Amino acid sequence: MAVHKHISRKLRLAKLGRQTRWAPFWTVPKIYGKGRRVHPGRHTVVKRSWRRIKTKA
């Protein structure tokens, strides 16, 4: 990939990077209640890693 990226490509890559983060910690008690201990990564919609699945950006 080029050293200098177009701003449109950079914005697309930034959006894809944000989608793969864990959900906020406060979503766990909001969804399941106070007693349940679940990993917040379970609530992330897009599960993509830069090693496994490539993007079209």
Protein backbone atom coordinates (compact mmCIF):
# COMPACT_ATOMS: atom_id res chain seq x y z
CA MET A 1 0.00 0.00 0.00
CA ALA A 2 1.16 3.50 -0.72
CA VAL A 3 2.85 5.62 1.90
CA HIS A 4 0.56 8.58 1.19
CA LYS A 5 -3.07 7.46 1.25
CA HIS A 6 -6.04 9.27 -0.25
CA ILE A 7 -8.30 10.71 2.45
CA SER A 8 -11.26 8.64 1.17
CA ARG A 9 -9.32 5.39 1.55
CA LYS A 10 -8.07 6.45 4.96
CA LEU A 11 -11.62 7.18 6.12
CA ARG A 12 -12.82 3.78 4.85
CA LEU A 13 -10.00 2.00 6.68
CA ALA A 14 -10.72 3.95 9.87
CA LYS A 15 -14.38 2.94 9.75
CA LEU A 16 -13.47 -0.73 9.25
CA GLY A 17 -11.07 -0.53 12.19
CA ARG A 18 -13.76 0.92 14.46
CA GLN A 19 -16.22 -1.84 13.54
CA THR A 20 -13.97 -4.61 14.85
CA ARG A 21 -13.53 -3.19 18.37
CA TRP A 22 -15.25 -4.68 21.39
CA ALA A 23 -18.60 -3.30 22.43
CA PRO A 24 -18.61 -0.96 25.47
CA PHE A 25 -18.45 -2.72 28.84
CA TRP A 26 -21.78 -1.26 29.98
CA THR A 27 -23.68 -3.17 27.28
CA VAL A 28 -23.21 -6.45 29.19
CA PRO A 29 -25.37 -5.60 32.25
CA LYS A 30 -27.78 -3.70 30.00
CA ILE A 31 -28.46 -6.80 27.88
CA TYR A 32 -28.08 -9.68 30.37
CA GLY A 33 -28.61 -8.13 33.81
CA LYS A 34 -26.20 -7.48 36.65
CA GLY A 35 -25.20 -11.08 37.51
CA ARG A 36 -24.21 -12.38 34.08
CA ARG A 37 -20.56 -12.20 33.07
CA VAL A 38 -20.14 -12.15 29.31
CA HIS A 39 -17.28 -10.84 27.21
CA PRO A 40 -18.18 -7.55 25.50
CA GLY A 41 -16.64 -8.80 22.25
CA ARG A 42 -19.71 -10.98 21.84
CA HIS A 43 -21.80 -7.90 21.04
CA THR A 44 -19.51 -6.73 18.25
CA VAL A 45 -21.31 -7.17 14.95
CA VAL A 46 -18.30 -7.37 12.62
CA LYS A 47 -15.69 -9.92 13.67
CA ARG A 48 -12.79 -9.33 11.29
CA SER A 49 -9.05 -9.56 11.77
CA TRP A 50 -6.42 -8.03 9.53
CA ARG A 51 -4.74 -11.44 9.29
CA ARG A 52 -7.74 -13.61 8.42
CA ILE A 53 -10.19 -11.65 6.29
CA LYS A 54 -9.12 -8.94 3.86
CA THR A 55 -11.17 -5.88 2.95
CA LYS A 56 -11.90 -4.30 -0.40
CA ALA A 57 -10.51 -0.90 0.69
